[in-house]
Amino acid sequence: MKPLSNSIIRILFSIPFLVFGIMHILAGKDMAAMIPPYIPWPIIWVYITGIALIAAAISFILNKKAKLAGILLAVLLLLFVVTIWLPRAANNDLTAISSLLKDIGLMAGSLMVSSISKN
């Protein structure tokens, strides 16, 4: 079986981030409730995150600065894991454990996309 091209991989991988980014923009007030209380201005961080997710998706789709976008996206996902999901998962929150594992998988995927990108 012929392997998928790098372009198809990048485009398929970008779709969830594009959707997640749009969701952050459209449902920012609802998502702000997930920000830990010790982080100031939660709504602003939700919107910034949405813009970052959309920018990463566009970078992957257009294959412009995709290597850098993959690394920066992995760092963003690591921040989610450490600041949001890990503390909640430590309290046996099953939803948080699922989100933690999802974000770790997406972090690995973004590093893989970064590694297959030429620029």
Protein backbone atom coordinates (compact mmCIF):
# COMPACT_ATOMS: atom_id res chain seq x y z
CA MET A 1 0.00 0.00 0.00
CA LYS A 2 1.33 3.41 -0.96
CA PRO A 3 1.89 5.75 2.03
CA LEU A 4 -0.03 9.01 2.27
CA SER A 5 1.75 12.09 1.05
CA ASN A 6 3.06 14.59 3.58
CA SER A 7 0.60 17.17 2.23
CA ILE A 8 -2.40 14.97 2.96
CA ILE A 9 -1.07 14.19 6.44
CA ARG A 10 -0.59 17.89 7.23
CA ILE A 11 -4.05 18.81 5.94
CA LEU A 12 -5.83 16.01 7.80
CA PHE A 13 -3.97 16.84 11.00
CA SER A 14 -4.86 20.54 10.69
CA ILE A 15 -8.63 20.02 10.55
CA PRO A 16 -9.19 19.46 14.32
CA PHE A 17 -7.05 22.48 15.18
CA LEU A 18 -8.97 24.67 12.77
CA VAL A 19 -12.26 23.51 14.32
CA PHE A 20 -10.93 23.82 17.90
CA GLY A 21 -9.69 27.33 17.12
CA ILE A 22 -13.04 28.40 15.74
CA MET A 23 -14.75 26.88 18.79
CA HIS A 24 -12.48 28.92 21.07
CA ILE A 25 -13.51 32.10 19.27
CA LEU A 26 -17.24 31.33 19.09
CA ALA A 27 -17.64 29.81 22.58
CA GLY A 28 -14.98 31.81 24.39
CA LYS A 29 -17.11 32.67 27.41
CA ASP A 30 -18.03 29.03 28.02
CA MET A 31 -14.43 27.86 27.54
CA ALA A 32 -13.10 30.54 29.91
CA ALA A 33 -14.64 28.55 32.77
CA MET A 34 -12.04 25.81 32.14
CA ILE A 35 -9.12 28.18 32.81
CA PRO A 36 -7.67 27.64 36.29
CA PRO A 37 -8.62 30.46 38.69
CA TYR A 38 -4.99 31.43 39.31
CA ILE A 39 -4.59 32.51 35.65
CA PRO A 40 -5.79 36.10 35.12
CA TRP A 41 -8.01 37.24 32.21
CA PRO A 42 -9.29 33.81 31.18
CA ILE A 43 -11.40 35.03 28.25
CA ILE A 44 -8.38 36.72 26.69
CA TRP A 45 -6.35 33.51 26.94
CA VAL A 46 -9.15 31.53 25.32
CA TYR A 47 -9.24 33.93 22.35
CA ILE A 48 -5.44 33.97 22.05
CA THR A 49 -5.44 30.18 22.10
CA GLY A 50 -8.12 30.09 19.40
CA ILE A 51 -6.09 32.38 17.19
CA ALA A 52 -2.96 30.26 17.79
CA LEU A 53 -4.79 27.05 16.88
CA ILE A 54 -6.18 28.60 13.68
CA ALA A 55 -2.75 29.97 12.76
CA ALA A 56 -1.14 26.54 13.25
CA ALA A 57 -3.81 24.89 11.09
CA ILE A 58 -3.36 27.43 8.32
CA SER A 59 0.41 27.02 8.50
CA PHE A 60 0.06 23.24 8.12
CA ILE A 61 -2.43 23.54 5.24
CA LEU A 62 -0.31 26.05 3.32
CA ASN A 63 2.96 24.38 4.35
CA LYS A 64 4.39 27.76 5.32
CA LYS A 65 6.50 27.70 8.48
CA ALA A 66 4.92 24.31 9.26
CA LYS A 67 8.03 23.09 11.08
CA LEU A 68 7.91 26.07 13.47
CA ALA A 69 4.13 25.83 13.80
CA GLY A 70 4.39 22.17 14.80
CA ILE A 71 6.92 22.93 17.51
CA LEU A 72 4.96 25.91 18.85
CA LEU A 73 1.73 23.91 18.80
CA ALA A 74 3.43 21.13 20.77
CA VAL A 75 4.54 23.69 23.37
CA LEU A 76 0.98 25.07 23.59
CA LEU A 77 -0.42 21.58 24.08
CA LEU A 78 2.19 20.86 26.74
CA LEU A 79 1.02 24.00 28.56
CA PHE A 80 -2.56 22.68 28.43
CA VAL A 81 -1.42 19.36 29.86
CA VAL A 82 0.56 20.92 32.71
CA THR A 83 -1.74 23.80 33.68
CA ILE A 84 -5.23 22.45 32.99
CA TRP A 85 -5.41 18.68 32.64
CA LEU A 86 -2.72 17.30 34.95
CA PRO A 87 -4.03 19.00 38.12
CA ARG A 88 -7.57 17.83 37.35
CA ALA A 89 -6.44 14.33 36.39
CA ALA A 90 -4.61 14.09 39.73
CA ASN A 91 -8.07 14.35 41.35
CA ASN A 92 -9.32 11.34 39.35
CA ASP A 93 -11.38 13.48 36.96
CA LEU A 94 -11.96 11.01 34.10
CA THR A 95 -12.77 13.75 31.60
CA ALA A 96 -9.49 15.47 32.46
CA ILE A 97 -7.60 12.19 32.08
CA SER A 98 -9.11 11.75 28.61
CA SER A 99 -8.25 15.33 27.65
CA LEU A 100 -4.73 14.92 29.02
CA LEU A 101 -4.16 11.82 26.91
CA LYS A 102 -5.74 13.48 23.84
CA ASP A 103 -3.47 16.49 24.16
CA ILE A 104 -0.39 14.31 24.63
CA GLY A 105 -1.30 12.44 21.44
CA LEU A 106 -1.90 15.69 19.56
CA MET A 107 1.39 17.03 20.90
CA ALA A 108 3.20 13.99 19.50
CA GLY A 109 1.36 14.41 16.20
CA SER A 110 2.33 18.07 15.94
CA LEU A 111 5.97 17.13 16.49
CA MET A 112 5.64 14.48 13.76
CA VAL A 113 4.15 17.02 11.36
CA SER A 114 7.00 19.35 12.27
CA SER A 115 9.51 16.62 11.50
CA ILE A 116 8.06 15.87 8.03
CA SER A 117 7.82 19.56 7.07
CA LYS A 118 10.62 21.07 5.05
CA ASN A 119 10.17 24.66 6.18
